[in-house]
Amino acid sequence: MAAVSLGAVAREIAEALERSDISMVQSVLSVRARDWDWVPEEWIADVWRPRLDDLAGADRTLVGQRHVNNVLGRVVFEGSRGQAFVTVLFDEAGKIDGFAIKPDELDGTFGIVVGCDDEDAERLRAFYDLLARAPLGFGEGLGRRPSWQDPEAPQQIHLDFVVTDLEDTEAVVLGHGAVALEDFDDHRVFTDPVGHPFCLYPDTDGRAVGPDRLGVLARVVMDCDDPELLARFWSAVLDMPNRAEDTAHRIVITGETPSLPMLAAQSVEDYRPPQWPDPLHPAQMHLDIGFDDRTMKERVALSHGASRLPAQGGSCPVYADPAGHPFCLCYTGE
């Protein structure tokens, strides 16, 4: 594929998706992509168009293309709402192996997979969609649910949301299956309908403004026994060199240009790491991280203390950070 501009190929595919040319798209799917639980017509209607409408606008035009490397091509849409960057991942035969639709070209974008059983996935998706427009996925099973402040069933990772109206938001989440746990001076703690703890903080700087959501995802908070070690690791992997908070108990890291969500490492007593893929000690949540140069980031992760975990059949290699939290290192769009 080196002699072929994957930017040009990505443009052809994007144009086909824009005109709903299903047969063209299906003809260039990889073997792995053909095994997806994926209906192209539904994906175009439910994901492609709404996402591009939101980022660029319904009046968008395709204004650019780029050959990123030997597996990635990228196109740019522009419209009245701004820009959207569509990355197409190709396999070694030049067939489509994945997509990513993003508001920028920042590398290291991560999603958070919230563990749950298949029957709970849509319920959790609807619940969190009330709170924020956030990079959350749901599923991959949940062998043992977390139990608040029980070291035998730890939360491991939780989400902090900043909301415009704390009282109104509490009423909404309680009405949709949340359970109130604790009320602190500056935030309140709940569990979602499956049992994952999350925190609501009042908005103090206007970041939660938005007509269609109650707030924004502010932080992904990882439990550990050494916040300094874990913060240094994720600073290197995610290119987040700055610290918004820095105490012996909790460190919050962010990029050169502060944006949400940030990532926090906080110490807990009697920390018990997940033992992925053991269902008796499951990872309650994990990160899926996309990079244009996955191989380089694998070297960075390993040099800063990551451990390679056994493959379980997915396309992305799985690692554990120094605190034992599993994460997947993927190509953008994988």
C-alpha atoms as a PDB file:
ATOM      1  CA  MET A   1       0.000   0.000   0.000  1.00  0.00           C
ATOM      2  CA  ALA A   2       3.010   2.348   0.209  1.00  0.00           C
ATOM      3  CA  ALA A   3       2.498   3.566  -3.376  1.00  0.00           C
ATOM      4  CA  VAL A   4      -1.166   4.356  -2.795  1.00  0.00           C
ATOM      5  CA  SER A   5      -2.307   7.538  -1.084  1.00  0.00           C
ATOM      6  CA  LEU A   6      -4.560   6.350   1.705  1.00  0.00           C
ATOM      7  CA  GLY A   7      -5.794   9.908   1.988  1.00  0.00           C
ATOM      8  CA  ALA A   8      -7.292   9.610  -1.495  1.00  0.00           C
ATOM      9  CA  VAL A   9      -8.798   6.216  -0.680  1.00  0.00           C
ATOM     10  CA  ALA A  10     -10.234   7.577   2.577  1.00  0.00           C
ATOM     11  CA  ARG A  11     -11.791  10.417   0.580  1.00  0.00           C
ATOM     12  CA  GLU A  12     -13.528   7.968  -1.761  1.00  0.00           C
ATOM     13  CA  ILE A  13     -14.900   6.055   1.215  1.00  0.00           C
ATOM     14  CA  ALA A  14     -16.074   9.227   2.996  1.00  0.00           C
ATOM     15  CA  GLU A  15     -17.820  10.402  -0.147  1.00  0.00           C
ATOM     16  CA  ALA A  16     -19.508   6.999  -0.462  1.00  0.00           C
ATOM     17  CA  LEU A  17     -20.710   7.226   3.139  1.00  0.00           C
ATOM     18  CA  GLU A  18     -22.029  10.731   2.540  1.00  0.00           C
ATOM     19  CA  ARG A  19     -24.147   9.517  -0.370  1.00  0.00           C
ATOM     20  CA  SER A  20     -25.097   6.270   1.460  1.00  0.00           C
ATOM     21  CA  ASP A  21     -23.431   4.079  -1.160  1.00  0.00           C
ATOM     22  CA  ILE A  22     -23.702   0.898   0.916  1.00  0.00           C
ATOM     23  CA  SER A  23     -22.492  -1.479  -1.782  1.00  0.00           C
ATOM     24  CA  MET A  24     -19.273   0.490  -2.285  1.00  0.00           C
ATOM     25  CA  VAL A  25     -18.530   0.531   1.448  1.00  0.00           C
ATOM     26  CA  GLN A  26     -19.273  -3.174   1.870  1.00  0.00           C
ATOM     27  CA  SER A  27     -17.013  -4.015  -1.071  1.00  0.00           C
ATOM     28  CA  VAL A  28     -13.954  -2.589   0.688  1.00  0.00           C
ATOM     29  CA  LEU A  29     -14.486  -3.976   4.201  1.00  0.00           C
ATOM     30  CA  SER A  30     -11.718  -6.128   5.670  1.00  0.00           C
ATOM     31  CA  VAL A  31     -12.339  -9.725   6.709  1.00  0.00           C
ATOM     32  CA  ARG A  32     -12.369  -8.631  10.347  1.00  0.00           C
ATOM     33  CA  ALA A  33     -14.767  -5.767   9.641  1.00  0.00           C
ATOM     34  CA  ARG A  34     -17.173  -8.147   7.927  1.00  0.00           C
ATOM     35  CA  ASP A  35     -17.489  -9.951  11.262  1.00  0.00           C
ATOM     36  CA  TRP A  36     -18.582  -6.781  13.063  1.00  0.00           C
ATOM     37  CA  ASP A  37     -22.091  -6.656  14.433  1.00  0.00           C
ATOM     38  CA  TRP A  38     -22.530  -3.746  12.050  1.00  0.00           C
ATOM     39  CA  VAL A  39     -25.393  -2.743   9.742  1.00  0.00           C
ATOM     40  CA  PRO A  40     -24.033  -0.002   7.435  1.00  0.00           C
ATOM     41  CA  GLU A  41     -27.384   1.717   6.904  1.00  0.00           C
ATOM     42  CA  GLU A  42     -27.956   1.961  10.659  1.00  0.00           C
ATOM     43  CA  TRP A  43     -24.391   3.115  11.332  1.00  0.00           C
ATOM     44  CA  ILE A  44     -24.680   5.893   8.746  1.00  0.00           C
ATOM     45  CA  ALA A  45     -28.001   7.024  10.222  1.00  0.00           C
ATOM     46  CA  ASP A  46     -27.110   6.633  13.905  1.00  0.00           C
ATOM     47  CA  VAL A  47     -23.387   7.477  14.002  1.00  0.00           C
ATOM     48  CA  TRP A  48     -21.931   8.930  10.801  1.00  0.00           C
ATOM     49  CA  ARG A  49     -24.485  11.631  10.052  1.00  0.00           C
ATOM     50  CA  PRO A  50     -25.254  12.743  13.630  1.00  0.00           C
ATOM     51  CA  ARG A  51     -21.575  12.918  14.551  1.00  0.00           C
ATOM     52  CA  LEU A  52     -20.606  14.920  11.471  1.00  0.00           C
ATOM     53  CA  ASP A  53     -23.692  17.124  11.799  1.00  0.00           C
ATOM     54  CA  ASP A  54     -22.676  17.873  15.382  1.00  0.00           C
ATOM     55  CA  LEU A  55     -19.021  18.644  14.637  1.00  0.00           C
ATOM     56  CA  ALA A  56     -19.119  20.253  11.201  1.00  0.00           C
ATOM     57  CA  GLY A  57     -22.772  20.875  10.414  1.00  0.00           C
ATOM     58  CA  ALA A  58     -25.297  19.537   7.948  1.00  0.00           C
ATOM     59  CA  ASP A  59     -23.926  21.982   5.366  1.00  0.00           C
ATOM     60  CA  ARG A  60     -20.446  20.427   5.503  1.00  0.00           C
ATOM     61  CA  THR A  61     -18.113  19.904   2.594  1.00  0.00           C
ATOM     62  CA  LEU A  62     -15.057  17.674   2.310  1.00  0.00           C
ATOM     63  CA  VAL A  63     -12.110  20.061   2.168  1.00  0.00           C
ATOM     64  CA  GLY A  64      -8.958  18.000   2.661  1.00  0.00           C
ATOM     65  CA  GLN A  65      -7.296  14.612   2.724  1.00  0.00           C
ATOM     66  CA  ARG A  66      -4.050  13.217   4.108  1.00  0.00           C
ATOM     67  CA  HIS A  67      -2.013  10.030   3.916  1.00  0.00           C
ATOM     68  CA  VAL A  68      -1.107   9.571   7.612  1.00  0.00           C
ATOM     69  CA  ASN A  69       0.969   6.375   7.371  1.00  0.00           C
ATOM     70  CA  ASN A  70       0.821   2.931   5.802  1.00  0.00           C
ATOM     71  CA  VAL A  71      -2.415   2.012   7.624  1.00  0.00           C
ATOM     72  CA  LEU A  72      -4.247   5.345   8.068  1.00  0.00           C
ATOM     73  CA  GLY A  73      -5.876   7.873   5.762  1.00  0.00           C
ATOM     74  CA  ARG A  74      -7.656  11.013   6.973  1.00  0.00           C
ATOM     75  CA  VAL A  75     -10.128  13.506   5.523  1.00  0.00           C
ATOM     76  CA  VAL A  76     -11.413  16.829   6.825  1.00  0.00           C
ATOM     77  CA  PHE A  77     -14.981  18.126   6.673  1.00  0.00           C
ATOM     78  CA  GLU A  78     -15.784  21.793   7.209  1.00  0.00           C
ATOM     79  CA  GLY A  79     -19.123  23.463   7.810  1.00  0.00           C
ATOM     80  CA  SER A  80     -21.004  26.078   9.777  1.00  0.00           C
ATOM     81  CA  ARG A  81     -20.346  24.321  13.109  1.00  0.00           C
ATOM     82  CA  GLY A  82     -16.621  23.765  12.593  1.00  0.00           C
ATOM     83  CA  GLN A  83     -14.432  20.881  11.469  1.00  0.00           C
ATOM     84  CA  ALA A  84     -14.589  17.096  11.665  1.00  0.00           C
ATOM     85  CA  PHE A  85     -11.637  14.777  11.080  1.00  0.00           C
ATOM     86  CA  VAL A  86     -12.450  11.302   9.779  1.00  0.00           C
ATOM     87  CA  THR A  87      -9.722   8.683  10.010  1.00  0.00           C
ATOM     88  CA  VAL A  88      -9.985   5.398   8.120  1.00  0.00           C
ATOM     89  CA  LEU A  89      -7.908   2.428   9.269  1.00  0.00           C
ATOM     90  CA  PHE A  90      -6.830  -0.054   6.588  1.00  0.00           C
ATOM     91  CA  ASP A  91      -5.535  -3.605   6.854  1.00  0.00           C
ATOM     92  CA  GLU A  92      -2.504  -4.909   4.956  1.00  0.00           C
ATOM     93  CA  ALA A  93      -4.701  -5.589   1.908  1.00  0.00           C
ATOM     94  CA  GLY A  94      -5.967  -1.999   1.828  1.00  0.00           C
ATOM     95  CA  LYS A  95      -9.432  -2.883   3.137  1.00  0.00           C
ATOM     96  CA  ILE A  96     -11.352  -0.862   5.755  1.00  0.00           C
ATOM     97  CA  ASP A  97     -10.563  -2.037   9.286  1.00  0.00           C
ATOM     98  CA  GLY A  98     -11.998   0.838  11.333  1.00  0.00           C
ATOM     99  CA  PHE A  99     -13.182   4.448  11.536  1.00  0.00           C
ATOM    100  CA  ALA A 100     -12.736   7.399  13.886  1.00  0.00           C
ATOM    101  CA  ILE A 101     -14.660  10.693  13.774  1.00  0.00           C
ATOM    102  CA  LYS A 102     -13.070  13.419  15.883  1.00  0.00           C
ATOM    103  CA  PRO A 103     -13.200  17.198  16.335  1.00  0.00           C
ATOM    104  CA  ASP A 104      -9.424  17.540  15.946  1.00  0.00           C
ATOM    105  CA  GLU A 105      -6.241  15.677  15.056  1.00  0.00           C
ATOM    106  CA  LEU A 106      -4.955  15.348  18.602  1.00  0.00           C
ATOM    107  CA  ASP A 107      -3.275  11.989  19.113  1.00  0.00           C
ATOM    108  CA  GLY A 108      -3.909   9.737  22.079  1.00  0.00           C
ATOM    109  CA  THR A 109      -7.669  10.184  22.268  1.00  0.00           C
ATOM    110  CA  PHE A 110      -9.070   7.719  24.750  1.00  0.00           C
ATOM    111  CA  GLY A 111     -12.439   6.153  25.384  1.00  0.00           C
ATOM    112  CA  ILE A 112     -13.617   4.622  28.631  1.00  0.00           C
ATOM    113  CA  VAL A 113     -15.236   1.189  28.553  1.00  0.00           C
ATOM    114  CA  VAL A 114     -17.641   0.746  31.476  1.00  0.00           C
ATOM    115  CA  GLY A 115     -17.973  -2.914  32.396  1.00  0.00           C
ATOM    116  CA  CYS A 116     -21.454  -4.393  32.314  1.00  0.00           C
ATOM    117  CA  ASP A 117     -23.366  -7.398  31.059  1.00  0.00           C
ATOM    118  CA  ASP A 118     -24.906  -7.199  27.598  1.00  0.00           C
ATOM    119  CA  GLU A 119     -28.428  -6.790  28.979  1.00  0.00           C
ATOM    120  CA  ASP A 120     -27.368  -3.689  30.931  1.00  0.00           C
ATOM    121  CA  ALA A 121     -25.429  -1.960  28.143  1.00  0.00           C
ATOM    122  CA  GLU A 122     -28.256   0.083  26.604  1.00  0.00           C
ATOM    123  CA  ARG A 123     -29.610   1.067  30.012  1.00  0.00           C
ATOM    124  CA  LEU A 124     -26.198   2.365  31.079  1.00  0.00           C
ATOM    125  CA  ARG A 125     -25.678   4.114  27.751  1.00  0.00           C
ATOM    126  CA  ALA A 126     -28.974   5.986  28.153  1.00  0.00           C
ATOM    127  CA  PHE A 127     -28.135   6.838  31.776  1.00  0.00           C
ATOM    128  CA  TYR A 128     -24.737   8.378  31.043  1.00  0.00           C
ATOM    129  CA  ASP A 129     -26.037  10.085  27.921  1.00  0.00           C
ATOM    130  CA  LEU A 130     -28.228  12.189  30.199  1.00  0.00           C
ATOM    131  CA  LEU A 131     -25.150  13.387  32.079  1.00  0.00           C
ATOM    132  CA  ALA A 132     -22.651  14.244  29.389  1.00  0.00           C
ATOM    133  CA  ARG A 133     -21.531  13.770  25.833  1.00  0.00           C
ATOM    134  CA  ALA A 134     -18.500  11.644  26.683  1.00  0.00           C
ATOM    135  CA  PRO A 135     -16.315   8.949  25.050  1.00  0.00           C
ATOM    136  CA  LEU A 136     -17.961   6.064  26.897  1.00  0.00           C
ATOM    137  CA  GLY A 137     -18.543   2.501  25.755  1.00  0.00           C
ATOM    138  CA  PHE A 138     -20.415  -0.237  27.566  1.00  0.00           C
ATOM    139  CA  GLY A 139     -20.132  -3.997  27.792  1.00  0.00           C
ATOM    140  CA  GLU A 140     -17.394  -6.639  27.825  1.00  0.00           C
ATOM    141  CA  GLY A 141     -18.986  -8.343  30.834  1.00  0.00           C
ATOM    142  CA  LEU A 142     -18.784  -7.727  34.553  1.00  0.00           C
ATOM    143  CA  GLY A 143     -17.920 -10.783  36.616  1.00  0.00           C
ATOM    144  CA  ARG A 144     -18.240  -9.022  39.957  1.00  0.00           C
ATOM    145  CA  ARG A 145     -19.843  -5.644  40.585  1.00  0.00           C
ATOM    146  CA  PRO A 146     -18.043  -2.992  42.628  1.00  0.00           C
ATOM    147  CA  SER A 147     -19.205  -2.322  46.166  1.00  0.00           C
ATOM    148  CA  TRP A 148     -18.623   1.142  47.650  1.00  0.00           C
ATOM    149  CA  GLN A 149     -15.651   1.185  50.061  1.00  0.00           C
ATOM    150  CA  ASP A 150     -15.345  -2.614  50.047  1.00  0.00           C
ATOM    151  CA  PRO A 151     -11.715  -3.582  49.267  1.00  0.00           C
ATOM    152  CA  GLU A 152     -12.883  -7.047  48.226  1.00  0.00           C
ATOM    153  CA  ALA A 153     -14.963  -5.517  45.410  1.00  0.00           C
ATOM    154  CA  PRO A 154     -13.172  -2.239  44.604  1.00  0.00           C
ATOM    155  CA  GLN A 155     -14.290   0.458  42.169  1.00  0.00           C
ATOM    156  CA  GLN A 156     -10.726   0.836  40.716  1.00  0.00           C
ATOM    157  CA  ILE A 157     -11.751   3.662  38.382  1.00  0.00           C
ATOM    158  CA  HIS A 158     -14.563   6.180  38.666  1.00  0.00           C
ATOM    159  CA  LEU A 159     -15.829   9.194  36.727  1.00  0.00           C
ATOM    160  CA  ASP A 160     -16.151  12.798  37.944  1.00  0.00           C
ATOM    161  CA  PHE A 161     -18.814  14.946  36.271  1.00  0.00           C
ATOM    162  CA  VAL A 162     -19.152  18.712  36.568  1.00  0.00           C
ATOM    163  CA  VAL A 163     -22.802  19.797  36.377  1.00  0.00           C
ATOM    164  CA  THR A 164     -24.580  23.130  36.038  1.00  0.00           C
ATOM    165  CA  ASP A 165     -27.212  22.468  38.714  1.00  0.00           C
ATOM    166  CA  LEU A 166     -26.268  19.915  41.362  1.00  0.00           C
ATOM    167  CA  GLU A 167     -29.755  19.620  42.876  1.00  0.00           C
ATOM    168  CA  ASP A 168     -31.528  19.163  39.548  1.00  0.00           C
ATOM    169  CA  THR A 169     -28.934  16.681  38.325  1.00  0.00           C
ATOM    170  CA  GLU A 170     -29.213  14.639  41.514  1.00  0.00           C
ATOM    171  CA  ALA A 171     -32.973  14.393  41.040  1.00  0.00           C
ATOM    172  CA  VAL A 172     -32.526  13.258  37.428  1.00  0.00           C
ATOM    173  CA  VAL A 173     -29.921  10.566  38.123  1.00  0.00           C
ATOM    174  CA  LEU A 174     -31.849   9.222  41.124  1.00  0.00           C
ATOM    175  CA  GLY A 175     -34.935   9.029  38.928  1.00  0.00           C
ATOM    176  CA  HIS A 176     -32.992   6.955  36.395  1.00  0.00           C
ATOM    177  CA  GLY A 177     -31.599   4.289  38.700  1.00  0.00           C
ATOM    178  CA  ALA A 178     -28.684   5.929  40.532  1.00  0.00           C
ATOM    179  CA  VAL A 179     -28.204   5.402  44.260  1.00  0.00           C
ATOM    180  CA  ALA A 180     -26.910   8.180  46.542  1.00  0.00           C
ATOM    181  CA  LEU A 181     -23.854   7.165  48.601  1.00  0.00           C
ATOM    182  CA  GLU A 182     -22.237  10.187  50.277  1.00  0.00           C
ATOM    183  CA  ASP A 183     -22.500  13.960  50.368  1.00  0.00           C
ATOM    184  CA  PHE A 184     -19.223  15.882  50.765  1.00  0.00           C
ATOM    185  CA  ASP A 185     -18.621  19.619  50.993  1.00  0.00           C
ATOM    186  CA  ASP A 186     -17.675  19.992  47.330  1.00  0.00           C
ATOM    187  CA  HIS A 187     -19.262  16.951  45.639  1.00  0.00           C
ATOM    188  CA  ARG A 188     -21.716  14.080  45.938  1.00  0.00           C
ATOM    189  CA  VAL A 189     -21.148  10.389  45.283  1.00  0.00           C
ATOM    190  CA  PHE A 190     -23.607   7.997  43.631  1.00  0.00           C
ATOM    191  CA  THR A 191     -23.620   4.626  41.926  1.00  0.00           C
ATOM    192  CA  ASP A 192     -24.969   4.120  38.442  1.00  0.00           C
ATOM    193  CA  PRO A 193     -27.661   1.473  37.795  1.00  0.00           C
ATOM    194  CA  VAL A 194     -25.017  -1.281  37.658  1.00  0.00           C
ATOM    195  CA  GLY A 195     -23.098  -0.191  40.753  1.00  0.00           C
ATOM    196  CA  HIS A 196     -20.171   1.850  39.414  1.00  0.00           C
ATOM    197  CA  PRO A 197     -19.542   4.882  41.672  1.00  0.00           C
ATOM    198  CA  PHE A 198     -19.431   8.336  40.107  1.00  0.00           C
ATOM    199  CA  CYS A 199     -19.171  11.871  41.493  1.00  0.00           C
ATOM    200  CA  LEU A 200     -21.082  15.059  40.725  1.00  0.00           C
ATOM    201  CA  TYR A 201     -19.324  18.396  41.263  1.00  0.00           C
ATOM    202  CA  PRO A 202     -20.968  21.815  40.927  1.00  0.00           C
ATOM    203  CA  ASP A 203     -19.716  23.852  37.988  1.00  0.00           C
ATOM    204  CA  THR A 204     -17.544  26.754  39.117  1.00  0.00           C
ATOM    205  CA  ASP A 205     -16.042  27.933  35.811  1.00  0.00           C
ATOM    206  CA  GLY A 206     -18.743  27.533  33.173  1.00  0.00           C
ATOM    207  CA  ARG A 207     -17.490  24.297  31.638  1.00  0.00           C
ATOM    208  CA  ALA A 208     -20.795  22.464  32.025  1.00  0.00           C
ATOM    209  CA  VAL A 209     -22.779  24.867  29.857  1.00  0.00           C
ATOM    210  CA  GLY A 210     -24.795  23.010  27.220  1.00  0.00           C
ATOM    211  CA  PRO A 211     -28.452  22.763  26.213  1.00  0.00           C
ATOM    212  CA  ASP A 212     -28.651  19.016  25.692  1.00  0.00           C
ATOM    213  CA  ARG A 213     -26.687  17.517  28.623  1.00  0.00           C
ATOM    214  CA  LEU A 214     -26.613  18.019  32.385  1.00  0.00           C
ATOM    215  CA  GLY A 215     -22.847  18.440  32.535  1.00  0.00           C
ATOM    216  CA  VAL A 216     -19.456  17.330  31.247  1.00  0.00           C
ATOM    217  CA  LEU A 217     -17.066  14.505  32.063  1.00  0.00           C
ATOM    218  CA  ALA A 218     -14.295  16.287  33.954  1.00  0.00           C
ATOM    219  CA  ARG A 219     -11.974  13.514  35.169  1.00  0.00           C
ATOM    220  CA  VAL A 220     -11.294   9.808  34.886  1.00  0.00           C
ATOM    221  CA  VAL A 221     -10.030   8.890  38.362  1.00  0.00           C
ATOM    222  CA  MET A 222      -7.802   5.853  38.843  1.00  0.00           C
ATOM    223  CA  ASP A 223      -7.210   4.276  42.243  1.00  0.00           C
ATOM    224  CA  CYS A 224      -3.678   3.243  43.139  1.00  0.00           C
ATOM    225  CA  ASP A 225      -1.171   3.050  45.982  1.00  0.00           C
ATOM    226  CA  ASP A 226       1.339   5.466  44.396  1.00  0.00           C
ATOM    227  CA  PRO A 227      -0.219   8.503  42.643  1.00  0.00           C
ATOM    228  CA  GLU A 228       3.165   9.932  41.642  1.00  0.00           C
ATOM    229  CA  LEU A 229       4.197   6.758  39.810  1.00  0.00           C
ATOM    230  CA  LEU A 230       0.849   6.401  38.057  1.00  0.00           C
ATOM    231  CA  ALA A 231       0.666  10.086  37.111  1.00  0.00           C
ATOM    232  CA  ARG A 232       4.151   9.971  35.556  1.00  0.00           C
ATOM    233  CA  PHE A 233       3.155   6.911  33.539  1.00  0.00           C
ATOM    234  CA  TRP A 234      -0.024   8.393  32.097  1.00  0.00           C
ATOM    235  CA  SER A 235       1.639  11.767  31.527  1.00  0.00           C
ATOM    236  CA  ALA A 236       4.090  10.029  29.200  1.00  0.00           C
ATOM    237  CA  VAL A 237       1.570   7.812  27.425  1.00  0.00           C
ATOM    238  CA  LEU A 238      -1.135  10.454  26.925  1.00  0.00           C
ATOM    239  CA  ASP A 239       1.185  13.470  26.467  1.00  0.00           C
ATOM    240  CA  MET A 240      -0.341  15.207  29.495  1.00  0.00           C
ATOM    241  CA  PRO A 241       2.632  16.996  31.083  1.00  0.00           C
ATOM    242  CA  ASN A 242       0.758  19.525  33.233  1.00  0.00           C
ATOM    243  CA  ARG A 243      -0.803  19.081  36.656  1.00  0.00           C
ATOM    244  CA  ALA A 244      -4.095  20.715  37.583  1.00  0.00           C
ATOM    245  CA  GLU A 245      -3.850  19.245  41.091  1.00  0.00           C
ATOM    246  CA  ASP A 246      -0.817  17.844  42.883  1.00  0.00           C
ATOM    247  CA  THR A 247      -1.024  16.456  46.418  1.00  0.00           C
ATOM    248  CA  ALA A 248       0.323  13.367  48.128  1.00  0.00           C
ATOM    249  CA  HIS A 249      -3.131  11.796  47.849  1.00  0.00           C
ATOM    250  CA  ARG A 250      -4.254  12.885  44.377  1.00  0.00           C
ATOM    251  CA  ILE A 251      -2.665  14.143  41.151  1.00  0.00           C
ATOM    252  CA  VAL A 252      -4.699  15.430  38.210  1.00  0.00           C
ATOM    253  CA  ILE A 253      -2.912  15.639  34.859  1.00  0.00           C
ATOM    254  CA  THR A 254      -3.829  17.512  31.705  1.00  0.00           C
ATOM    255  CA  GLY A 255      -2.368  18.362  28.320  1.00  0.00           C
ATOM    256  CA  GLU A 256      -0.526  21.475  27.193  1.00  0.00           C
ATOM    257  CA  THR A 257      -3.901  22.964  26.324  1.00  0.00           C
ATOM    258  CA  PRO A 258      -6.207  22.011  29.221  1.00  0.00           C
ATOM    259  CA  SER A 259      -9.217  20.117  27.990  1.00  0.00           C
ATOM    260  CA  LEU A 260     -11.679  17.660  29.437  1.00  0.00           C
ATOM    261  CA  PRO A 261     -11.635  14.947  30.483  1.00  0.00           C
ATOM    262  CA  MET A 262      -8.484  15.107  32.589  1.00  0.00           C
ATOM    263  CA  LEU A 263      -7.006  12.042  34.253  1.00  0.00           C
ATOM    264  CA  ALA A 264      -6.447  11.659  38.001  1.00  0.00           C
ATOM    265  CA  ALA A 265      -4.440   9.199  40.097  1.00  0.00           C
ATOM    266  CA  GLN A 266      -5.554   8.924  43.694  1.00  0.00           C
ATOM    267  CA  SER A 267      -4.331   6.764  46.562  1.00  0.00           C
ATOM    268  CA  VAL A 268      -6.725   4.475  48.415  1.00  0.00           C
ATOM    269  CA  GLU A 269      -6.226   2.355  51.487  1.00  0.00           C
ATOM    270  CA  ASP A 270      -5.741  -1.360  50.892  1.00  0.00           C
ATOM    271  CA  TYR A 271      -5.662  -0.920  47.119  1.00  0.00           C
ATOM    272  CA  ARG A 272      -6.577  -4.115  45.212  1.00  0.00           C
ATOM    273  CA  PRO A 273      -5.740  -4.011  41.491  1.00  0.00           C
ATOM    274  CA  PRO A 274      -7.796  -5.829  38.885  1.00  0.00           C
ATOM    275  CA  GLN A 275      -6.446  -9.167  37.715  1.00  0.00           C
ATOM    276  CA  TRP A 276      -7.570  -9.110  34.112  1.00  0.00           C
ATOM    277  CA  PRO A 277      -8.978 -11.330  32.658  1.00  0.00           C
ATOM    278  CA  ASP A 278      -9.954 -13.078  35.952  1.00  0.00           C
ATOM    279  CA  PRO A 279     -13.768 -12.638  36.312  1.00  0.00           C
ATOM    280  CA  LEU A 280     -13.439 -12.786  40.112  1.00  0.00           C
ATOM    281  CA  HIS A 281     -11.162  -9.722  40.050  1.00  0.00           C
ATOM    282  CA  PRO A 282     -12.460  -7.873  36.972  1.00  0.00           C
ATOM    283  CA  ALA A 283     -11.470  -4.513  35.566  1.00  0.00           C
ATOM    284  CA  GLN A 284     -14.545  -2.394  36.306  1.00  0.00           C
ATOM    285  CA  MET A 285     -13.519   0.082  33.596  1.00  0.00           C
ATOM    286  CA  HIS A 286     -10.629   0.371  31.172  1.00  0.00           C
ATOM    287  CA  LEU A 287      -9.265   2.802  28.605  1.00  0.00           C
ATOM    288  CA  ASP A 288      -9.127   2.227  24.858  1.00  0.00           C
ATOM    289  CA  ILE A 289      -6.534   4.644  23.458  1.00  0.00           C
ATOM    290  CA  GLY A 290      -6.031   5.429  19.769  1.00  0.00           C
ATOM    291  CA  PHE A 291      -2.723   6.591  18.289  1.00  0.00           C
ATOM    292  CA  ASP A 292      -1.608   7.240  14.745  1.00  0.00           C
ATOM    293  CA  ASP A 293       1.722   5.577  15.629  1.00  0.00           C
ATOM    294  CA  ARG A 294       0.726   2.706  17.911  1.00  0.00           C
ATOM    295  CA  THR A 295       4.133   1.017  17.783  1.00  0.00           C
ATOM    296  CA  MET A 296       5.903   4.096  19.128  1.00  0.00           C
ATOM    297  CA  LYS A 297       3.430   4.440  21.980  1.00  0.00           C
ATOM    298  CA  GLU A 298       3.854   0.773  22.877  1.00  0.00           C
ATOM    299  CA  ARG A 299       7.554   1.470  23.369  1.00  0.00           C
ATOM    300  CA  VAL A 300       6.742   4.508  25.525  1.00  0.00           C
ATOM    301  CA  ALA A 301       4.310   2.533  27.665  1.00  0.00           C
ATOM    302  CA  LEU A 302       6.705  -0.355  28.219  1.00  0.00           C
ATOM    303  CA  SER A 303       9.589   1.949  29.069  1.00  0.00           C
ATOM    304  CA  HIS A 304       7.458   3.628  31.754  1.00  0.00           C
ATOM    305  CA  GLY A 305       6.337   0.472  33.509  1.00  0.00           C
ATOM    306  CA  ALA A 306       3.504  -1.086  31.496  1.00  0.00           C
ATOM    307  CA  SER A 307       3.119  -4.871  31.401  1.00  0.00           C
ATOM    308  CA  ARG A 308       1.844  -6.777  28.372  1.00  0.00           C
ATOM    309  CA  LEU A 309      -1.242  -8.868  29.181  1.00  0.00           C
ATOM    310  CA  PRO A 310      -2.395 -12.073  27.453  1.00  0.00           C
ATOM    311  CA  ALA A 311      -4.284 -11.597  24.201  1.00  0.00           C
ATOM    312  CA  GLN A 312      -8.006 -12.345  24.407  1.00  0.00           C
ATOM    313  CA  GLY A 313      -8.894 -12.229  20.721  1.00  0.00           C
ATOM    314  CA  GLY A 314      -9.229  -8.476  20.148  1.00  0.00           C
ATOM    315  CA  SER A 315      -7.268  -6.557  17.535  1.00  0.00           C
ATOM    316  CA  CYS A 316      -5.597  -4.152  20.010  1.00  0.00           C
ATOM    317  CA  PRO A 317      -2.805  -5.314  22.329  1.00  0.00           C
ATOM    318  CA  VAL A 318      -3.684  -5.099  26.021  1.00  0.00           C
ATOM    319  CA  TYR A 319      -1.371  -3.771  28.718  1.00  0.00           C
ATOM    320  CA  ALA A 320      -1.559  -3.025  32.428  1.00  0.00           C
ATOM    321  CA  ASP A 321      -0.342   0.276  33.828  1.00  0.00           C
ATOM    322  CA  PRO A 322       1.916   0.318  36.934  1.00  0.00           C
ATOM    323  CA  ALA A 323      -1.183   0.117  39.169  1.00  0.00           C
ATOM    324  CA  GLY A 324      -2.554  -2.887  37.295  1.00  0.00           C
ATOM    325  CA  HIS A 325      -5.333  -1.133  35.348  1.00  0.00           C
ATOM    326  CA  PRO A 326      -5.727  -2.781  31.919  1.00  0.00           C
ATOM    327  CA  PHE A 327      -5.794  -0.590  28.829  1.00  0.00           C
ATOM    328  CA  CYS A 328      -5.835  -1.200  25.087  1.00  0.00           C
ATOM    329  CA  LEU A 329      -3.364   0.492  22.736  1.00  0.00           C
ATOM    330  CA  CYS A 330      -4.975   0.853  19.346  1.00  0.00           C
ATOM    331  CA  TYR A 331      -4.488   2.614  16.069  1.00  0.00           C
ATOM    332  CA  THR A 332      -6.791   5.582  15.571  1.00  0.00           C
ATOM    333  CA  GLY A 333     -10.090   4.075  14.437  1.00  0.00           C
ATOM    334  CA  GLU A 334      -9.248   0.512  15.478  1.00  0.00           C
END
